[in-house]
Amino acid sequence: MKRTILTNLLLLTTVTLFTACSNKTVEPKKEAKSLQSIIGIQETLRPFCPPAPKTIASLPLAKTYPMEEAYVTPIVYEENLVPIAYAEEVVQTKPIVACRTYTSQQDNQRARQHSYISNTLQLKNQIEWSAKKLLGIKYVWGATGPSNYDCSGFTQKIYRDAGIKIPRVSRDQAKVGKYISYNRLKKGDMVFFDTKKKRTGIVSHVGIYLGKGNFIHASSGAKKIIIYNFNKKSFYKKRFLWGRRVIQNSTRLASL
């Protein structure tokens, strides 16, 4: 009997202890705090993703810089067209664009040069138009107009209307202005000839060069003011002596 009671008490004690142990909550172990959490910095873990390589289309456009201030070197590419150096990382060594700046003195000089060219062209055109207006007017030796002209009377009238004063006779006209050879003739130059049967090299005739081998003059042979071409009238090409230029950068040269 005692043995039975003792056995029951032992069983009851075992059940009680088992139940108490099974209801006990086990707390998880605390993890060690990191240095960031201790000083108040919240640590966020993110997966590392390497940046995507830049493509040619994504490169920034090249900039232009003033001369002597900033320079860039060209971008170098490998065979697979992958850029080795990007624009923002390029070392500045040579000029890519030269933006010239001009001082007021240079601007004035360029403006004067442009004005000279423009005025000279207008003056040459004026001489050509004035001369062509007299085409067909009768040639008369010693005449100075307005109805008749000889060769030097015609040239004197045309240049006078353009504001250029030259002597009356062809021999004296051949001494003013700048000497010009046949290959350097330009529109507006005077052209001089030795038209005597026995050539002596002395000026006896004058005309005005119009360009492209053409010249206009008061011809004693044609008895009027006419245009001839050197290549079609070999007589005048063989008798040509020299030319004279009385238009220099829109300056009207004075006579002797």
Protein backbone atom coordinates (compact mmCIF):
# COMPACT_ATOMS: atom_id res chain seq x y z
CA MET A 1 0.00 0.00 0.00
CA LYS A 2 2.76 2.41 0.89
CA ARG A 3 4.55 1.46 -2.26
CA THR A 4 1.50 2.34 -4.34
CA ILE A 5 1.05 5.70 -2.70
CA LEU A 6 4.72 6.48 -3.12
CA THR A 7 4.58 5.55 -6.78
CA ASN A 8 1.55 7.80 -7.37
CA LEU A 9 3.22 10.73 -5.65
CA LEU A 10 6.28 10.24 -7.82
CA LEU A 11 4.19 10.22 -10.97
CA LEU A 12 2.29 13.33 -9.93
CA THR A 13 5.51 15.20 -9.23
CA THR A 14 6.97 14.20 -12.61
CA VAL A 15 3.85 15.41 -14.49
CA THR A 16 3.91 18.75 -12.64
CA LEU A 17 7.54 19.34 -13.40
CA PHE A 18 7.06 18.41 -17.08
CA THR A 19 4.14 20.79 -17.46
CA ALA A 20 6.01 23.65 -15.81
CA CYS A 21 8.99 23.15 -18.10
CA SER A 22 6.81 22.93 -21.23
CA ASN A 23 5.07 26.29 -20.49
CA LYS A 24 8.31 28.24 -19.95
CA THR A 25 9.11 30.79 -22.72
CA VAL A 26 12.68 30.81 -24.00
CA GLU A 27 13.86 34.28 -25.04
CA PRO A 28 16.08 34.53 -28.18
CA LYS A 29 19.63 35.56 -27.71
CA LYS A 30 20.27 39.24 -28.30
CA GLU A 31 22.55 40.06 -31.25
CA ALA A 32 25.56 42.22 -30.69
CA LYS A 33 24.91 45.84 -31.55
CA SER A 34 26.92 47.34 -34.42
CA LEU A 35 28.96 50.54 -34.16
CA GLN A 36 26.47 52.39 -36.39
CA SER A 37 23.51 51.47 -34.16
CA ILE A 38 25.39 52.50 -31.04
CA ILE A 39 26.12 56.04 -32.33
CA GLY A 40 22.63 56.46 -33.77
CA ILE A 41 23.22 55.79 -37.47
CA GLN A 42 20.67 53.55 -39.09
CA GLU A 43 22.41 51.05 -41.24
CA THR A 44 20.69 49.99 -44.43
CA LEU A 45 22.04 47.08 -46.35
CA ARG A 46 21.73 47.38 -50.15
CA PRO A 47 22.97 45.03 -52.81
CA PHE A 48 25.99 46.41 -54.73
CA CYS A 49 25.18 47.12 -58.37
CA PRO A 50 28.02 48.35 -60.61
CA PRO A 51 27.12 51.43 -62.68
CA ALA A 52 26.11 50.83 -66.26
CA PRO A 53 28.84 51.76 -68.74
CA LYS A 54 28.33 54.98 -70.63
CA THR A 55 27.52 54.78 -74.31
CA ILE A 56 28.56 57.13 -77.07
CA ALA A 57 25.03 58.55 -77.26
CA SER A 58 25.10 59.46 -73.56
CA LEU A 59 28.32 61.45 -73.76
CA PRO A 60 27.84 65.21 -73.21
CA LEU A 61 28.21 67.50 -76.18
CA ALA A 62 31.58 69.19 -76.64
CA LYS A 63 31.79 72.74 -75.38
CA THR A 64 33.45 75.67 -77.13
CA TYR A 65 35.87 77.76 -75.19
CA PRO A 66 37.46 81.17 -75.84
CA MET A 67 40.99 81.12 -77.23
CA GLU A 68 43.77 80.73 -74.65
CA GLU A 69 41.33 80.14 -71.80
CA ALA A 70 40.27 76.48 -71.88
CA TYR A 71 41.22 73.51 -74.01
CA VAL A 72 40.15 69.90 -74.35
CA THR A 73 41.57 66.76 -75.91
CA PRO A 74 39.54 64.49 -78.19
CA ILE A 75 37.88 61.40 -76.69
CA VAL A 76 39.75 58.17 -77.51
CA TYR A 77 37.83 55.01 -78.36
CA GLU A 78 38.84 51.38 -78.55
CA GLU A 79 37.95 49.12 -81.44
CA ASN A 80 34.63 48.13 -79.84
CA LEU A 81 33.64 51.82 -79.65
CA VAL A 82 33.67 51.84 -75.85
CA PRO A 83 34.99 55.20 -74.68
CA ILE A 84 38.19 55.10 -72.66
CA ALA A 85 37.88 58.67 -71.41
CA TYR A 86 34.73 60.69 -70.96
CA ALA A 87 34.34 64.37 -71.74
CA GLU A 88 34.12 65.47 -68.13
CA GLU A 89 37.37 63.64 -67.33
CA VAL A 90 39.45 64.82 -70.29
CA VAL A 91 42.64 66.73 -69.52
CA GLN A 92 42.76 70.13 -71.21
CA THR A 93 45.81 70.35 -73.44
CA LYS A 94 45.09 71.68 -77.01
CA PRO A 95 42.67 74.18 -78.48
CA ILE A 96 39.61 72.66 -80.13
CA VAL A 97 37.89 75.87 -81.19
CA ALA A 98 39.55 79.24 -81.63
CA CYS A 99 37.13 82.09 -81.13
CA ARG A 100 39.01 85.12 -82.36
CA THR A 101 38.21 88.46 -80.91
CA TYR A 102 39.05 91.71 -82.60
CA THR A 103 39.87 95.02 -81.03
CA SER A 104 38.09 98.17 -82.08
CA GLN A 105 41.17 99.13 -84.11
CA GLN A 106 41.08 95.84 -86.01
CA ASP A 107 37.35 96.20 -86.58
CA ASN A 108 37.89 99.67 -88.01
CA GLN A 109 40.68 98.40 -90.24
CA ARG A 110 38.52 95.56 -91.54
CA ALA A 111 35.63 97.97 -92.11
CA ARG A 112 37.87 100.34 -94.07
CA GLN A 113 39.23 97.47 -96.15
CA HIS A 114 35.71 96.30 -96.95
CA SER A 115 34.75 99.88 -97.82
CA TYR A 116 37.79 100.21 -100.12
CA ILE A 117 36.89 97.05 -102.01
CA SER A 118 33.26 98.07 -102.32
CA ASN A 119 34.08 101.62 -103.45
CA THR A 120 36.70 100.41 -105.93
CA LEU A 121 34.27 97.97 -107.50
CA GLN A 122 31.60 100.67 -107.75
CA LEU A 123 34.10 103.05 -109.36
CA LYS A 124 35.18 100.47 -111.94
CA ASN A 125 31.55 99.69 -112.77
CA GLN A 126 30.81 103.41 -113.12
CA ILE A 127 33.67 103.77 -115.60
CA GLU A 128 32.43 100.79 -117.62
CA TRP A 129 28.82 102.03 -117.71
CA SER A 130 29.79 105.58 -118.65
CA ALA A 131 32.02 104.33 -121.47
CA LYS A 132 29.38 101.98 -122.89
CA LYS A 133 26.83 104.80 -122.98
CA LEU A 134 28.97 106.46 -125.67
CA LEU A 135 29.19 103.38 -127.91
CA GLY A 136 28.66 104.36 -131.56
CA ILE A 137 29.60 108.04 -131.06
CA LYS A 138 31.59 109.26 -134.07
CA TYR A 139 35.39 109.45 -133.93
CA VAL A 140 36.90 112.84 -134.84
CA TRP A 141 40.59 113.62 -134.36
CA GLY A 142 41.09 116.33 -131.68
CA ALA A 143 37.43 116.21 -130.51
CA THR A 144 36.57 116.16 -126.80
CA GLY A 145 32.77 115.80 -126.99
CA PRO A 146 29.99 115.82 -126.41
CA SER A 147 29.04 114.67 -129.93
CA ASN A 148 32.47 113.54 -131.18
CA TYR A 149 35.63 112.23 -129.53
CA ASP A 150 39.14 111.15 -130.34
CA CYS A 151 40.81 108.37 -128.33
CA SER A 152 42.30 110.50 -125.54
CA GLY A 153 39.35 112.92 -125.48
CA PHE A 154 37.10 109.89 -124.84
CA THR A 155 39.22 108.49 -121.98
CA GLN A 156 39.62 111.92 -120.37
CA LYS A 157 35.82 112.42 -120.41
CA ILE A 158 35.10 108.98 -118.83
CA TYR A 159 37.63 109.34 -116.01
CA ARG A 160 36.63 112.94 -115.36
CA ASP A 161 33.02 111.83 -114.84
CA ALA A 162 34.35 109.31 -112.28
CA GLY A 163 36.19 112.08 -110.41
CA ILE A 164 39.66 111.23 -111.80
CA LYS A 165 41.63 113.97 -113.48
CA ILE A 166 44.04 112.87 -116.25
CA PRO A 167 45.96 114.81 -118.94
CA ARG A 168 44.46 115.54 -122.33
CA VAL A 169 46.67 113.60 -124.78
CA SER A 170 47.47 109.89 -124.79
CA ARG A 171 51.26 110.30 -124.38
CA ASP A 172 50.75 112.21 -121.14
CA GLN A 173 47.98 109.89 -119.96
CA ALA A 174 50.47 107.01 -120.32
CA LYS A 175 52.62 108.57 -117.56
CA VAL A 176 50.05 108.77 -114.74
CA GLY A 177 48.96 106.06 -112.34
CA LYS A 178 50.64 102.69 -111.88
CA TYR A 179 52.37 100.74 -114.65
CA ILE A 180 50.51 97.49 -115.48
CA SER A 181 51.66 94.65 -117.73
CA TYR A 182 49.29 92.90 -120.12
CA ASN A 183 48.80 89.84 -117.87
CA ARG A 184 47.85 92.03 -114.88
CA LEU A 185 45.20 94.17 -116.55
CA LYS A 186 41.95 94.71 -114.64
CA LYS A 187 38.70 96.45 -115.38
CA GLY A 188 39.13 100.24 -115.33
CA ASP A 189 42.80 100.27 -116.40
CA MET A 190 43.89 102.41 -119.34
CA VAL A 191 45.55 100.52 -122.21
CA PHE A 192 48.12 102.15 -124.53
CA PHE A 193 49.24 101.24 -128.06
CA ASP A 194 51.72 102.16 -130.75
CA THR A 195 49.47 102.12 -133.80
CA LYS A 196 51.85 103.78 -136.28
CA LYS A 197 52.77 101.83 -139.40
CA LYS A 198 56.40 101.96 -138.38
CA ARG A 199 56.45 101.04 -134.71
CA THR A 200 58.69 103.15 -132.52
CA GLY A 201 57.38 102.27 -129.05
CA ILE A 202 55.82 105.72 -128.67
CA VAL A 203 52.22 105.92 -127.44
CA SER A 204 49.78 106.96 -130.14
CA HIS A 205 46.48 105.43 -129.00
CA VAL A 206 44.58 104.75 -125.74
CA GLY A 207 41.52 102.81 -124.61
CA ILE A 208 39.88 101.47 -121.41
CA TYR A 209 40.11 97.82 -120.39
CA LEU A 210 36.77 96.16 -119.47
CA GLY A 211 37.98 92.71 -118.46
CA LYS A 212 38.04 89.28 -120.16
CA GLY A 213 40.23 90.63 -122.99
CA ASN A 214 37.79 93.37 -123.96
CA PHE A 215 38.61 97.09 -124.23
CA ILE A 216 36.61 100.10 -125.38
CA HIS A 217 38.11 103.00 -127.36
CA ALA A 218 37.41 105.68 -129.91
CA SER A 219 38.78 103.97 -133.02
CA SER A 220 40.06 105.95 -135.99
CA GLY A 221 39.78 102.79 -138.12
CA ALA A 222 36.15 102.06 -137.17
CA LYS A 223 35.35 105.83 -137.06
CA LYS A 224 33.41 105.41 -133.82
CA ILE A 225 33.58 104.33 -130.19
CA ILE A 226 33.68 100.54 -130.21
CA ILE A 227 34.61 97.47 -128.12
CA TYR A 228 37.33 95.10 -129.35
CA ASN A 229 38.74 91.88 -127.92
CA PHE A 230 42.50 91.37 -127.83
CA ASN A 231 42.19 87.73 -128.92
CA LYS A 232 39.99 88.62 -131.89
CA LYS A 233 41.92 91.73 -132.92
CA SER A 234 45.52 90.57 -133.03
CA PHE A 235 46.55 93.98 -134.41
CA TYR A 236 45.96 95.64 -131.05
CA LYS A 237 47.49 92.79 -129.06
CA LYS A 238 50.71 93.07 -131.09
CA ARG A 239 50.70 96.85 -130.75
CA PHE A 240 50.00 96.87 -127.01
CA LEU A 241 52.62 98.75 -124.95
CA TRP A 242 51.43 98.82 -121.30
CA GLY A 243 48.55 99.66 -119.07
CA ARG A 244 48.07 102.31 -116.40
CA ARG A 245 45.96 101.96 -113.26
CA VAL A 246 44.56 105.17 -111.85
CA ILE A 247 42.27 103.48 -109.32
CA GLN A 248 44.05 102.40 -106.13
CA ASN A 249 41.81 101.31 -103.23
CA SER A 250 39.13 103.76 -104.31
CA THR A 251 41.72 106.60 -104.44
CA ARG A 252 41.46 108.80 -107.49
CA LEU A 253 45.04 109.55 -108.52
CA ALA A 254 45.93 113.08 -109.57
CA SER A 255 47.34 113.85 -112.98
CA LEU A 256 50.84 115.15 -113.71
